[in-house]
N, C-alpha and C. Protein backbone atom coordinates (compact mmCIF):
# COMPACT_ATOMS: atom_id res chain seq x y z
N MET A 1 -22.83 -10.78 -31.67
CA MET A 1 -21.37 -10.96 -31.63
C MET A 1 -20.96 -11.43 -30.24
N THR A 2 -20.12 -12.43 -30.21
CA THR A 2 -19.63 -12.94 -28.93
C THR A 2 -18.61 -11.97 -28.34
N PRO A 3 -18.83 -11.55 -27.09
CA PRO A 3 -17.88 -10.59 -26.50
C PRO A 3 -16.53 -11.24 -26.29
N PRO A 4 -15.46 -10.46 -26.34
CA PRO A 4 -14.14 -11.02 -26.10
C PRO A 4 -14.02 -11.53 -24.67
N PRO A 5 -13.21 -12.54 -24.45
CA PRO A 5 -13.08 -13.09 -23.10
C PRO A 5 -12.37 -12.10 -22.19
N PRO A 6 -12.64 -12.19 -20.88
CA PRO A 6 -11.92 -11.31 -19.96
C PRO A 6 -10.45 -11.65 -19.93
N ARG A 7 -9.63 -10.66 -19.70
CA ARG A 7 -8.20 -10.90 -19.57
C ARG A 7 -7.93 -11.61 -18.25
N SER A 8 -6.81 -12.30 -18.21
CA SER A 8 -6.40 -12.94 -16.97
C SER A 8 -6.10 -11.85 -15.93
N LEU A 9 -6.21 -12.22 -14.69
CA LEU A 9 -5.92 -11.32 -13.58
C LEU A 9 -4.69 -11.85 -12.86
N LEU A 10 -3.67 -11.02 -12.74
CA LEU A 10 -2.42 -11.43 -12.12
C LEU A 10 -2.43 -11.13 -10.63
N ILE A 11 -2.04 -12.11 -9.83
CA ILE A 11 -1.84 -11.90 -8.40
C ILE A 11 -0.43 -11.32 -8.24
N ALA A 12 -0.36 -10.10 -7.81
CA ALA A 12 0.93 -9.40 -7.75
C ALA A 12 1.68 -9.74 -6.47
N SER A 13 2.11 -10.97 -6.39
CA SER A 13 2.86 -11.44 -5.23
C SER A 13 3.54 -12.75 -5.56
N GLY A 14 4.71 -12.96 -4.99
CA GLY A 14 5.37 -14.24 -5.12
C GLY A 14 5.15 -15.12 -3.90
N ASN A 15 4.31 -14.65 -2.97
CA ASN A 15 4.04 -15.37 -1.72
C ASN A 15 3.03 -16.49 -1.97
N LEU A 16 3.48 -17.73 -1.89
CA LEU A 16 2.61 -18.87 -2.18
C LEU A 16 1.46 -18.98 -1.20
N HIS A 17 1.68 -18.57 0.06
CA HIS A 17 0.61 -18.59 1.06
C HIS A 17 -0.51 -17.64 0.64
N LYS A 18 -0.14 -16.47 0.15
CA LYS A 18 -1.16 -15.52 -0.31
C LYS A 18 -1.90 -16.06 -1.52
N HIS A 19 -1.17 -16.70 -2.43
CA HIS A 19 -1.83 -17.31 -3.60
C HIS A 19 -2.93 -18.25 -3.13
N ASP A 20 -2.62 -19.09 -2.16
CA ASP A 20 -3.60 -20.07 -1.67
C ASP A 20 -4.81 -19.37 -1.06
N GLU A 21 -4.58 -18.36 -0.21
CA GLU A 21 -5.69 -17.68 0.43
C GLU A 21 -6.56 -16.95 -0.58
N ILE A 22 -5.95 -16.34 -1.56
CA ILE A 22 -6.71 -15.62 -2.58
C ILE A 22 -7.57 -16.57 -3.40
N ARG A 23 -6.99 -17.69 -3.82
CA ARG A 23 -7.75 -18.66 -4.61
C ARG A 23 -8.90 -19.25 -3.79
N ARG A 24 -8.68 -19.48 -2.50
CA ARG A 24 -9.75 -20.03 -1.65
C ARG A 24 -10.87 -19.02 -1.45
N ALA A 25 -10.51 -17.76 -1.27
CA ALA A 25 -11.51 -16.76 -0.88
C ALA A 25 -12.36 -16.27 -2.05
N LEU A 26 -11.79 -16.24 -3.25
CA LEU A 26 -12.56 -15.75 -4.40
C LEU A 26 -13.49 -16.84 -4.92
N PRO A 27 -14.68 -16.48 -5.36
CA PRO A 27 -15.65 -17.48 -5.81
C PRO A 27 -15.17 -18.23 -7.03
N GLU A 28 -15.62 -19.46 -7.15
CA GLU A 28 -15.25 -20.28 -8.30
C GLU A 28 -15.69 -19.61 -9.59
N GLY A 29 -14.80 -19.58 -10.57
CA GLY A 29 -15.13 -18.95 -11.83
C GLY A 29 -15.00 -17.44 -11.81
N PHE A 30 -14.46 -16.89 -10.73
CA PHE A 30 -14.34 -15.44 -10.58
C PHE A 30 -13.53 -14.82 -11.72
N ALA A 31 -12.36 -15.35 -11.97
CA ALA A 31 -11.50 -14.84 -13.04
C ALA A 31 -10.42 -15.86 -13.28
N HIS A 32 -9.76 -15.73 -14.43
CA HIS A 32 -8.61 -16.59 -14.71
C HIS A 32 -7.40 -16.01 -13.99
N LEU A 33 -7.11 -16.54 -12.81
CA LEU A 33 -6.04 -16.00 -11.99
C LEU A 33 -4.69 -16.55 -12.44
N MET A 34 -3.72 -15.67 -12.54
CA MET A 34 -2.36 -16.05 -12.88
C MET A 34 -1.43 -15.63 -11.74
N VAL A 35 -0.30 -16.33 -11.62
CA VAL A 35 0.73 -15.94 -10.67
C VAL A 35 2.00 -15.64 -11.46
N PRO A 36 2.90 -14.81 -10.89
CA PRO A 36 4.06 -14.35 -11.65
C PRO A 36 4.92 -15.46 -12.27
N SER A 37 5.09 -16.56 -11.57
CA SER A 37 5.96 -17.62 -12.09
C SER A 37 5.45 -18.21 -13.39
N GLN A 38 4.15 -18.09 -13.65
CA GLN A 38 3.58 -18.61 -14.89
C GLN A 38 3.91 -17.72 -16.09
N LEU A 39 4.35 -16.51 -15.84
CA LEU A 39 4.53 -15.55 -16.93
C LEU A 39 5.99 -15.22 -17.23
N GLU A 40 6.90 -15.60 -16.35
CA GLU A 40 8.29 -15.16 -16.51
C GLU A 40 8.89 -15.59 -17.84
N ALA A 41 8.61 -16.82 -18.26
CA ALA A 41 9.16 -17.28 -19.53
C ALA A 41 8.58 -16.50 -20.71
N THR A 42 7.28 -16.23 -20.64
CA THR A 42 6.62 -15.50 -21.71
C THR A 42 7.07 -14.05 -21.76
N VAL A 43 7.14 -13.41 -20.61
CA VAL A 43 7.55 -12.00 -20.55
C VAL A 43 9.02 -11.85 -20.88
N GLY A 44 9.81 -12.86 -20.49
CA GLY A 44 11.23 -12.82 -20.79
C GLY A 44 12.08 -12.17 -19.72
N SER A 45 11.50 -11.95 -18.55
CA SER A 45 12.26 -11.39 -17.44
C SER A 45 11.63 -11.84 -16.13
N ALA A 46 12.41 -11.75 -15.06
CA ALA A 46 11.91 -12.13 -13.75
C ALA A 46 10.84 -11.14 -13.29
N ALA A 47 9.94 -11.62 -12.46
CA ALA A 47 8.90 -10.76 -11.90
C ALA A 47 9.54 -9.62 -11.12
N PRO A 48 8.90 -8.47 -11.09
CA PRO A 48 9.48 -7.32 -10.39
C PRO A 48 9.51 -7.53 -8.88
N ASP A 49 10.37 -6.80 -8.23
CA ASP A 49 10.45 -6.80 -6.76
C ASP A 49 10.45 -5.34 -6.32
N PRO A 50 9.30 -4.68 -6.45
CA PRO A 50 9.25 -3.24 -6.20
C PRO A 50 9.56 -2.89 -4.75
N VAL A 51 10.16 -1.73 -4.55
CA VAL A 51 10.45 -1.24 -3.21
C VAL A 51 9.15 -0.72 -2.60
N GLU A 52 8.75 -1.33 -1.50
CA GLU A 52 7.50 -0.93 -0.84
C GLU A 52 7.82 0.18 0.16
N ASP A 53 7.98 1.38 -0.37
CA ASP A 53 8.38 2.51 0.47
C ASP A 53 7.24 3.49 0.71
N GLY A 54 6.01 3.02 0.52
CA GLY A 54 4.86 3.87 0.81
C GLY A 54 4.70 4.11 2.30
N GLU A 55 3.99 5.15 2.64
CA GLU A 55 3.76 5.47 4.04
C GLU A 55 2.48 4.85 4.57
N THR A 56 1.70 4.23 3.69
CA THR A 56 0.47 3.57 4.09
C THR A 56 0.35 2.22 3.40
N LEU A 57 -0.54 1.38 3.92
CA LEU A 57 -0.80 0.09 3.28
C LEU A 57 -1.32 0.31 1.87
N LEU A 58 -2.18 1.31 1.69
CA LEU A 58 -2.74 1.58 0.37
C LEU A 58 -1.65 1.94 -0.62
N GLU A 59 -0.73 2.79 -0.23
CA GLU A 59 0.35 3.18 -1.14
C GLU A 59 1.18 1.97 -1.54
N ASN A 60 1.47 1.09 -0.61
CA ASN A 60 2.27 -0.09 -0.93
C ASN A 60 1.52 -1.06 -1.83
N ALA A 61 0.23 -1.22 -1.60
CA ALA A 61 -0.56 -2.11 -2.47
C ALA A 61 -0.56 -1.59 -3.90
N ILE A 62 -0.70 -0.29 -4.06
CA ILE A 62 -0.70 0.30 -5.40
C ILE A 62 0.67 0.17 -6.05
N ILE A 63 1.73 0.39 -5.30
CA ILE A 63 3.09 0.23 -5.84
C ILE A 63 3.26 -1.16 -6.44
N LYS A 64 2.82 -2.18 -5.70
CA LYS A 64 2.98 -3.56 -6.17
C LYS A 64 2.08 -3.86 -7.36
N ALA A 65 0.82 -3.45 -7.29
CA ALA A 65 -0.11 -3.75 -8.38
C ALA A 65 0.33 -3.08 -9.68
N GLN A 66 0.76 -1.83 -9.60
CA GLN A 66 1.22 -1.13 -10.81
C GLN A 66 2.47 -1.79 -11.41
N ALA A 67 3.42 -2.13 -10.56
CA ALA A 67 4.67 -2.73 -11.06
C ALA A 67 4.41 -4.05 -11.76
N PHE A 68 3.58 -4.89 -11.17
CA PHE A 68 3.31 -6.20 -11.76
C PHE A 68 2.45 -6.08 -13.01
N SER A 69 1.52 -5.12 -13.04
CA SER A 69 0.68 -4.94 -14.22
C SER A 69 1.51 -4.43 -15.40
N ILE A 70 2.37 -3.45 -15.15
CA ILE A 70 3.22 -2.92 -16.22
C ILE A 70 4.17 -3.99 -16.74
N TRP A 71 4.69 -4.81 -15.84
CA TRP A 71 5.61 -5.89 -16.24
C TRP A 71 4.90 -6.94 -17.10
N SER A 72 3.69 -7.30 -16.74
CA SER A 72 3.00 -8.42 -17.38
C SER A 72 2.07 -8.03 -18.52
N GLY A 73 1.61 -6.77 -18.52
CA GLY A 73 0.60 -6.38 -19.48
C GLY A 73 -0.80 -6.81 -19.10
N LEU A 74 -0.97 -7.33 -17.89
CA LEU A 74 -2.26 -7.78 -17.39
C LEU A 74 -2.71 -6.89 -16.24
N PRO A 75 -4.02 -6.81 -16.02
CA PRO A 75 -4.46 -6.18 -14.78
C PRO A 75 -3.93 -7.00 -13.59
N ALA A 76 -3.55 -6.33 -12.54
CA ALA A 76 -2.94 -7.02 -11.40
C ALA A 76 -3.58 -6.55 -10.10
N MET A 77 -3.75 -7.49 -9.21
CA MET A 77 -4.26 -7.19 -7.87
C MET A 77 -3.15 -7.45 -6.86
N ALA A 78 -3.00 -6.53 -5.93
CA ALA A 78 -1.99 -6.69 -4.88
C ALA A 78 -2.62 -6.33 -3.55
N ASP A 79 -2.17 -7.00 -2.51
CA ASP A 79 -2.63 -6.62 -1.18
C ASP A 79 -1.44 -6.22 -0.34
N ASP A 80 -1.69 -5.35 0.61
CA ASP A 80 -0.71 -5.06 1.64
C ASP A 80 -1.43 -5.16 2.97
N THR A 81 -0.78 -5.83 3.90
CA THR A 81 -1.42 -6.14 5.17
C THR A 81 -0.57 -5.64 6.31
N GLY A 82 -1.22 -5.10 7.33
CA GLY A 82 -0.50 -4.61 8.49
C GLY A 82 -1.11 -5.11 9.78
N LEU A 83 -0.24 -5.38 10.74
CA LEU A 83 -0.66 -5.73 12.10
C LEU A 83 -0.47 -4.49 12.96
N MET A 84 -1.55 -4.02 13.56
CA MET A 84 -1.50 -2.82 14.39
C MET A 84 -1.73 -3.23 15.84
N VAL A 85 -0.72 -3.09 16.68
CA VAL A 85 -0.79 -3.48 18.08
C VAL A 85 -0.97 -2.23 18.93
N THR A 86 -2.04 -2.18 19.70
CA THR A 86 -2.37 -0.98 20.46
C THR A 86 -1.26 -0.57 21.41
N ALA A 87 -0.71 -1.53 22.14
CA ALA A 87 0.33 -1.23 23.13
C ALA A 87 1.64 -0.78 22.49
N LEU A 88 1.78 -0.98 21.18
CA LEU A 88 2.98 -0.54 20.46
C LEU A 88 2.66 0.68 19.60
N ASP A 89 1.62 1.41 19.99
CA ASP A 89 1.21 2.62 19.26
C ASP A 89 0.93 2.36 17.78
N GLY A 90 0.35 1.21 17.50
CA GLY A 90 -0.04 0.87 16.13
C GLY A 90 1.01 0.16 15.31
N ALA A 91 2.19 -0.04 15.88
CA ALA A 91 3.24 -0.80 15.20
C ALA A 91 2.89 -2.30 15.27
N PRO A 92 3.45 -3.11 14.36
CA PRO A 92 4.38 -2.80 13.26
C PRO A 92 3.77 -1.99 12.11
N GLY A 93 2.45 -2.05 11.93
CA GLY A 93 1.80 -1.26 10.90
C GLY A 93 2.33 -1.51 9.51
N VAL A 94 2.71 -0.44 8.82
CA VAL A 94 3.17 -0.55 7.44
C VAL A 94 4.47 -1.33 7.34
N HIS A 95 5.16 -1.51 8.46
CA HIS A 95 6.43 -2.25 8.47
C HIS A 95 6.25 -3.71 8.88
N THR A 96 5.03 -4.21 8.86
CA THR A 96 4.72 -5.54 9.38
C THR A 96 5.61 -6.64 8.80
N ALA A 97 5.79 -6.65 7.49
CA ALA A 97 6.55 -7.74 6.85
C ALA A 97 8.03 -7.67 7.15
N ARG A 98 8.51 -6.51 7.57
CA ARG A 98 9.95 -6.31 7.79
C ARG A 98 10.25 -5.83 9.21
N TRP A 99 9.41 -6.19 10.16
CA TRP A 99 9.51 -5.63 11.50
C TRP A 99 10.85 -5.95 12.18
N ALA A 100 11.36 -7.12 11.95
CA ALA A 100 12.64 -7.52 12.58
C ALA A 100 13.83 -7.34 11.63
N GLY A 101 13.62 -6.67 10.51
CA GLY A 101 14.70 -6.47 9.55
C GLY A 101 14.22 -6.70 8.13
N GLU A 102 14.98 -6.22 7.16
CA GLU A 102 14.57 -6.27 5.77
C GLU A 102 14.28 -7.67 5.28
N ASN A 103 15.07 -8.65 5.70
CA ASN A 103 14.87 -10.03 5.26
C ASN A 103 14.45 -10.94 6.42
N ALA A 104 13.73 -10.39 7.36
CA ALA A 104 13.33 -11.14 8.55
C ALA A 104 12.38 -12.28 8.21
N THR A 105 12.49 -13.36 8.95
CA THR A 105 11.58 -14.49 8.80
C THR A 105 10.31 -14.23 9.61
N PHE A 106 9.29 -15.05 9.35
CA PHE A 106 8.07 -14.95 10.13
C PHE A 106 8.38 -15.09 11.62
N GLU A 107 9.23 -16.07 11.94
CA GLU A 107 9.57 -16.33 13.33
C GLU A 107 10.26 -15.14 13.98
N GLU A 108 11.15 -14.50 13.26
CA GLU A 108 11.85 -13.34 13.81
C GLU A 108 10.91 -12.17 14.05
N ASN A 109 9.98 -11.96 13.13
CA ASN A 109 9.01 -10.89 13.31
C ASN A 109 8.11 -11.15 14.52
N MET A 110 7.64 -12.39 14.66
CA MET A 110 6.79 -12.71 15.81
C MET A 110 7.55 -12.56 17.12
N THR A 111 8.79 -13.03 17.12
CA THR A 111 9.60 -12.94 18.34
C THR A 111 9.78 -11.50 18.76
N LYS A 112 10.01 -10.60 17.81
CA LYS A 112 10.19 -9.19 18.15
C LYS A 112 8.93 -8.61 18.78
N VAL A 113 7.77 -8.93 18.22
CA VAL A 113 6.51 -8.43 18.78
C VAL A 113 6.31 -8.97 20.19
N LEU A 114 6.52 -10.27 20.39
CA LEU A 114 6.34 -10.86 21.72
C LEU A 114 7.33 -10.27 22.72
N ASP A 115 8.55 -10.04 22.29
CA ASP A 115 9.54 -9.44 23.18
C ASP A 115 9.13 -8.02 23.56
N GLN A 116 8.61 -7.27 22.62
CA GLN A 116 8.20 -5.90 22.90
C GLN A 116 6.98 -5.84 23.82
N LEU A 117 6.20 -6.91 23.83
CA LEU A 117 5.01 -6.97 24.69
C LEU A 117 5.28 -7.74 25.98
N SER A 118 6.53 -8.07 26.24
CA SER A 118 6.87 -8.82 27.46
C SER A 118 6.38 -8.06 28.69
N GLY A 119 5.62 -8.75 29.53
CA GLY A 119 5.09 -8.15 30.74
C GLY A 119 3.76 -7.45 30.57
N VAL A 120 3.31 -7.27 29.34
CA VAL A 120 2.00 -6.64 29.09
C VAL A 120 0.90 -7.67 29.32
N PRO A 121 -0.04 -7.40 30.22
CA PRO A 121 -1.09 -8.39 30.51
C PRO A 121 -2.00 -8.65 29.32
N THR A 122 -2.64 -9.78 29.32
CA THR A 122 -3.51 -10.19 28.22
C THR A 122 -4.56 -9.15 27.89
N ALA A 123 -5.13 -8.52 28.90
CA ALA A 123 -6.20 -7.55 28.69
C ALA A 123 -5.72 -6.31 27.94
N GLN A 124 -4.42 -6.09 27.88
CA GLN A 124 -3.88 -4.90 27.23
C GLN A 124 -3.12 -5.24 25.95
N ARG A 125 -3.41 -6.40 25.37
CA ARG A 125 -2.69 -6.85 24.18
C ARG A 125 -3.58 -6.82 22.92
N SER A 126 -4.50 -5.85 22.88
CA SER A 126 -5.40 -5.75 21.73
C SER A 126 -4.62 -5.37 20.46
N ALA A 127 -5.13 -5.82 19.33
CA ALA A 127 -4.48 -5.57 18.05
C ALA A 127 -5.52 -5.74 16.94
N GLN A 128 -5.15 -5.37 15.76
CA GLN A 128 -5.99 -5.65 14.60
C GLN A 128 -5.13 -5.82 13.36
N PHE A 129 -5.61 -6.65 12.47
CA PHE A 129 -5.03 -6.77 11.14
C PHE A 129 -5.84 -5.89 10.19
N ARG A 130 -5.16 -5.19 9.29
CA ARG A 130 -5.79 -4.44 8.22
C ARG A 130 -5.26 -4.96 6.89
N CYS A 131 -6.13 -5.10 5.92
CA CYS A 131 -5.73 -5.56 4.59
C CYS A 131 -6.29 -4.62 3.54
N VAL A 132 -5.42 -4.12 2.68
CA VAL A 132 -5.81 -3.27 1.56
C VAL A 132 -5.51 -4.02 0.26
N ILE A 133 -6.46 -4.03 -0.66
CA ILE A 133 -6.27 -4.63 -1.97
C ILE A 133 -6.41 -3.55 -3.02
N ALA A 134 -5.46 -3.51 -3.95
CA ALA A 134 -5.52 -2.56 -5.07
C ALA A 134 -5.54 -3.33 -6.38
N LEU A 135 -6.36 -2.87 -7.31
CA LEU A 135 -6.42 -3.42 -8.66
C LEU A 135 -5.92 -2.34 -9.61
N CYS A 136 -4.89 -2.67 -10.39
CA CYS A 136 -4.33 -1.70 -11.34
C CYS A 136 -4.26 -2.32 -12.73
N ASP A 137 -4.47 -1.47 -13.73
CA ASP A 137 -4.27 -1.85 -15.13
C ASP A 137 -3.23 -0.88 -15.67
N GLY A 138 -1.98 -1.34 -15.79
CA GLY A 138 -0.88 -0.43 -16.04
C GLY A 138 -0.69 0.45 -14.83
N ASP A 139 -0.57 1.74 -15.04
CA ASP A 139 -0.42 2.65 -13.90
C ASP A 139 -1.76 3.20 -13.42
N GLN A 140 -2.85 2.74 -14.03
CA GLN A 140 -4.18 3.21 -13.65
C GLN A 140 -4.72 2.41 -12.46
N VAL A 141 -5.12 3.08 -11.41
CA VAL A 141 -5.73 2.44 -10.25
C VAL A 141 -7.23 2.32 -10.50
N LEU A 142 -7.72 1.09 -10.59
CA LEU A 142 -9.13 0.87 -10.89
C LEU A 142 -9.99 0.70 -9.65
N LEU A 143 -9.41 0.11 -8.61
CA LEU A 143 -10.22 -0.27 -7.46
C LEU A 143 -9.33 -0.47 -6.23
N THR A 144 -9.80 -0.01 -5.09
CA THR A 144 -9.12 -0.34 -3.82
C THR A 144 -10.18 -0.68 -2.78
N VAL A 145 -9.87 -1.62 -1.93
CA VAL A 145 -10.75 -1.97 -0.81
C VAL A 145 -9.89 -2.17 0.44
N GLU A 146 -10.50 -1.96 1.59
CA GLU A 146 -9.79 -2.18 2.86
C GLU A 146 -10.75 -2.80 3.86
N GLU A 147 -10.26 -3.83 4.55
CA GLU A 147 -11.04 -4.48 5.60
C GLU A 147 -10.11 -4.80 6.77
N GLY A 148 -10.71 -5.10 7.92
CA GLY A 148 -9.90 -5.39 9.09
C GLY A 148 -10.43 -6.56 9.89
N CYS A 149 -9.65 -6.98 10.86
CA CYS A 149 -10.03 -8.05 11.78
C CYS A 149 -9.45 -7.72 13.15
N PRO A 150 -10.29 -7.37 14.13
CA PRO A 150 -9.79 -7.07 15.46
C PRO A 150 -9.47 -8.34 16.23
N GLY A 151 -8.59 -8.22 17.21
CA GLY A 151 -8.23 -9.38 18.01
C GLY A 151 -7.22 -9.01 19.08
N SER A 152 -6.37 -9.94 19.41
CA SER A 152 -5.36 -9.71 20.45
C SER A 152 -4.13 -10.57 20.19
N ILE A 153 -3.04 -10.19 20.85
CA ILE A 153 -1.77 -10.91 20.71
C ILE A 153 -1.60 -11.86 21.88
N THR A 154 -1.21 -13.08 21.59
CA THR A 154 -1.01 -14.10 22.62
C THR A 154 0.27 -13.83 23.41
N GLN A 155 0.46 -14.63 24.46
CA GLN A 155 1.68 -14.55 25.25
C GLN A 155 2.80 -15.38 24.64
N LYS A 156 2.41 -16.34 23.77
CA LYS A 156 3.40 -17.20 23.13
C LYS A 156 2.86 -17.70 21.81
N VAL A 157 3.73 -18.29 21.00
CA VAL A 157 3.34 -18.87 19.71
C VAL A 157 2.41 -20.06 19.94
N GLU A 158 1.29 -20.09 19.22
CA GLU A 158 0.32 -21.18 19.35
C GLU A 158 -0.20 -21.57 17.98
N GLY A 159 0.04 -22.83 17.58
CA GLY A 159 -0.44 -23.31 16.28
C GLY A 159 0.64 -23.28 15.23
N SER A 160 0.44 -24.07 14.19
CA SER A 160 1.47 -24.21 13.15
C SER A 160 0.95 -23.97 11.74
N ALA A 161 -0.33 -23.68 11.59
CA ALA A 161 -0.89 -23.43 10.25
C ALA A 161 -0.72 -21.95 9.91
N GLY A 162 -1.15 -21.59 8.71
CA GLY A 162 -1.10 -20.20 8.30
C GLY A 162 0.32 -19.71 8.05
N PHE A 163 0.51 -18.40 8.17
CA PHE A 163 1.82 -17.81 7.93
C PHE A 163 1.86 -16.43 8.58
N GLY A 164 2.99 -15.78 8.50
CA GLY A 164 3.11 -14.45 9.08
C GLY A 164 2.95 -14.47 10.59
N TYR A 165 2.08 -13.63 11.09
CA TYR A 165 1.85 -13.50 12.53
C TYR A 165 0.69 -14.37 13.01
N ASP A 166 0.20 -15.26 12.16
CA ASP A 166 -0.97 -16.07 12.52
C ASP A 166 -0.83 -16.79 13.86
N PRO A 167 0.35 -17.33 14.22
CA PRO A 167 0.45 -18.07 15.48
C PRO A 167 0.39 -17.22 16.75
N ILE A 168 0.37 -15.89 16.63
CA ILE A 168 0.29 -15.07 17.84
C ILE A 168 -0.93 -14.14 17.81
N PHE A 169 -1.83 -14.33 16.86
CA PHE A 169 -3.00 -13.47 16.75
C PHE A 169 -4.29 -14.26 16.97
N VAL A 170 -5.06 -13.85 17.96
CA VAL A 170 -6.37 -14.46 18.25
C VAL A 170 -7.45 -13.50 17.78
N PRO A 171 -8.24 -13.85 16.77
CA PRO A 171 -9.29 -12.95 16.30
C PRO A 171 -10.39 -12.79 17.34
N GLU A 172 -11.02 -11.65 17.34
CA GLU A 172 -12.09 -11.35 18.28
C GLU A 172 -13.19 -12.41 18.21
N GLY A 173 -13.64 -12.87 19.37
CA GLY A 173 -14.68 -13.90 19.43
C GLY A 173 -14.15 -15.31 19.39
N GLU A 174 -12.84 -15.48 19.27
CA GLU A 174 -12.20 -16.79 19.21
C GLU A 174 -11.27 -16.97 20.41
N THR A 175 -10.95 -18.23 20.70
CA THR A 175 -9.94 -18.54 21.71
C THR A 175 -8.71 -19.14 21.07
N ARG A 176 -8.79 -19.41 19.76
CA ARG A 176 -7.67 -19.98 19.02
C ARG A 176 -7.02 -18.92 18.14
N THR A 177 -5.74 -19.11 17.89
CA THR A 177 -5.05 -18.22 16.96
C THR A 177 -5.44 -18.57 15.53
N PHE A 178 -5.12 -17.65 14.62
CA PHE A 178 -5.33 -17.95 13.19
C PHE A 178 -4.62 -19.25 12.81
N ALA A 179 -3.48 -19.51 13.43
CA ALA A 179 -2.69 -20.69 13.08
C ALA A 179 -3.28 -21.97 13.64
N GLN A 180 -4.30 -21.86 14.48
CA GLN A 180 -4.98 -23.04 15.02
C GLN A 180 -6.32 -23.29 14.34
N LEU A 181 -6.74 -22.37 13.48
CA LEU A 181 -8.01 -22.52 12.78
C LEU A 181 -7.84 -23.31 11.49
N GLU A 182 -8.91 -23.97 11.08
CA GLU A 182 -8.93 -24.57 9.75
C GLU A 182 -8.95 -23.43 8.73
N ALA A 183 -8.47 -23.73 7.53
CA ALA A 183 -8.37 -22.70 6.50
C ALA A 183 -9.72 -22.01 6.26
N ALA A 184 -10.79 -22.79 6.18
CA ALA A 184 -12.11 -22.20 5.92
C ALA A 184 -12.57 -21.32 7.07
N GLU A 185 -12.23 -21.70 8.29
CA GLU A 185 -12.59 -20.89 9.45
C GLU A 185 -11.85 -19.55 9.42
N LYS A 186 -10.58 -19.60 9.11
CA LYS A 186 -9.80 -18.36 9.03
C LYS A 186 -10.32 -17.46 7.91
N ASP A 187 -10.56 -18.03 6.73
CA ASP A 187 -11.01 -17.24 5.59
C ASP A 187 -12.32 -16.50 5.88
N ALA A 188 -13.18 -17.13 6.69
CA ALA A 188 -14.50 -16.56 6.96
C ALA A 188 -14.44 -15.28 7.78
N ILE A 189 -13.37 -15.11 8.58
CA ILE A 189 -13.32 -13.96 9.49
C ILE A 189 -12.09 -13.09 9.31
N SER A 190 -11.12 -13.55 8.53
CA SER A 190 -9.85 -12.82 8.45
C SER A 190 -9.99 -11.52 7.67
N HIS A 191 -9.05 -10.62 7.91
CA HIS A 191 -8.96 -9.35 7.20
C HIS A 191 -8.85 -9.57 5.69
N ARG A 192 -8.00 -10.52 5.28
CA ARG A 192 -7.82 -10.77 3.85
C ARG A 192 -9.06 -11.42 3.24
N GLY A 193 -9.66 -12.36 3.96
CA GLY A 193 -10.88 -12.99 3.47
C GLY A 193 -11.99 -11.97 3.25
N ARG A 194 -12.16 -11.08 4.22
CA ARG A 194 -13.18 -10.04 4.10
C ARG A 194 -12.88 -9.10 2.94
N ALA A 195 -11.62 -8.70 2.82
CA ALA A 195 -11.25 -7.79 1.73
C ALA A 195 -11.44 -8.45 0.37
N LEU A 196 -11.11 -9.72 0.25
CA LEU A 196 -11.25 -10.41 -1.02
C LEU A 196 -12.71 -10.58 -1.42
N ARG A 197 -13.57 -10.84 -0.46
CA ARG A 197 -14.99 -10.95 -0.79
C ARG A 197 -15.54 -9.61 -1.27
N ARG A 198 -15.14 -8.53 -0.63
CA ARG A 198 -15.57 -7.21 -1.07
C ARG A 198 -14.99 -6.89 -2.44
N PHE A 199 -13.73 -7.24 -2.64
CA PHE A 199 -13.07 -7.02 -3.93
C PHE A 199 -13.81 -7.76 -5.05
N SER A 200 -14.20 -9.01 -4.79
CA SER A 200 -14.86 -9.80 -5.84
C SER A 200 -16.20 -9.19 -6.22
N GLU A 201 -16.88 -8.58 -5.25
CA GLU A 201 -18.17 -7.93 -5.55
C GLU A 201 -17.96 -6.72 -6.46
N LEU A 202 -16.98 -5.90 -6.15
CA LEU A 202 -16.76 -4.66 -6.91
C LEU A 202 -16.08 -4.91 -8.25
N TYR A 203 -15.30 -5.97 -8.33
CA TYR A 203 -14.55 -6.28 -9.55
C TYR A 203 -15.45 -6.48 -10.76
N GLN A 204 -16.65 -7.01 -10.49
CA GLN A 204 -17.55 -7.36 -11.59
C GLN A 204 -17.94 -6.17 -12.45
N GLN A 205 -17.82 -4.95 -11.93
CA GLN A 205 -18.25 -3.78 -12.69
C GLN A 205 -17.24 -3.35 -13.76
N PHE A 206 -16.03 -3.92 -13.74
CA PHE A 206 -15.00 -3.48 -14.67
C PHE A 206 -14.99 -4.31 -15.94
N ASP A 207 -14.81 -3.62 -17.05
CA ASP A 207 -14.65 -4.29 -18.34
C ASP A 207 -13.15 -4.53 -18.56
N LEU A 208 -12.72 -5.75 -18.23
CA LEU A 208 -11.32 -6.08 -18.39
C LEU A 208 -11.12 -7.09 -19.51
N THR A 209 -11.89 -6.90 -20.58
CA THR A 209 -11.77 -7.79 -21.74
C THR A 209 -10.52 -7.43 -22.51
N GLY A 210 -10.17 -8.29 -23.40
CA GLY A 210 -8.98 -8.05 -24.20
C GLY A 210 -9.05 -6.78 -25.02
N GLY A 211 -10.25 -6.22 -25.20
CA GLY A 211 -10.37 -5.01 -26.00
C GLY A 211 -10.29 -3.73 -25.19
N SER A 212 -10.16 -3.83 -23.86
CA SER A 212 -10.17 -2.61 -23.03
C SER A 212 -8.80 -1.97 -23.00
């Protein structure tokens, strides 16, 4: 008997930049990836916008994955990412996406970090990105992974590629910011790239066929 095909996997995010990074980092043929905009007409309602009020990156990733899975009826993967700056006692941390306000732009968030580090010498501007990925099927948490990327914060914005805090973060062992790297270079060393590769390895153990 031919086994039923695996169900599609929903990327629980409306962030197009994340969609691109996820598709690049996961191996070809990994899964039939869907994004929320592809399902809104079928589901009959707009994709959810859950309140990310968790106290950790893991809690926020689970909040998003559960909300999108329940909405769509598909297993959903969500990531939550935080920038932890040593000189700011680990901030922005869980508030990374909203550091300069609830609807802050990437530029406003970066400006706030640079302003807070004004006068801090390069040697004391260490930081790291952390990325947590959660896989949920309905309200059931199937899998979580976490990876990081150490580095430092620049004195000014450098580079125009990427998104988020990429133009002010230099990964360890590099002299260029994430925003100055080619996409493949960034994926090879970034927190999200590392987390996605680990996720793809562990994902294979789950039976996510239409009969599960």
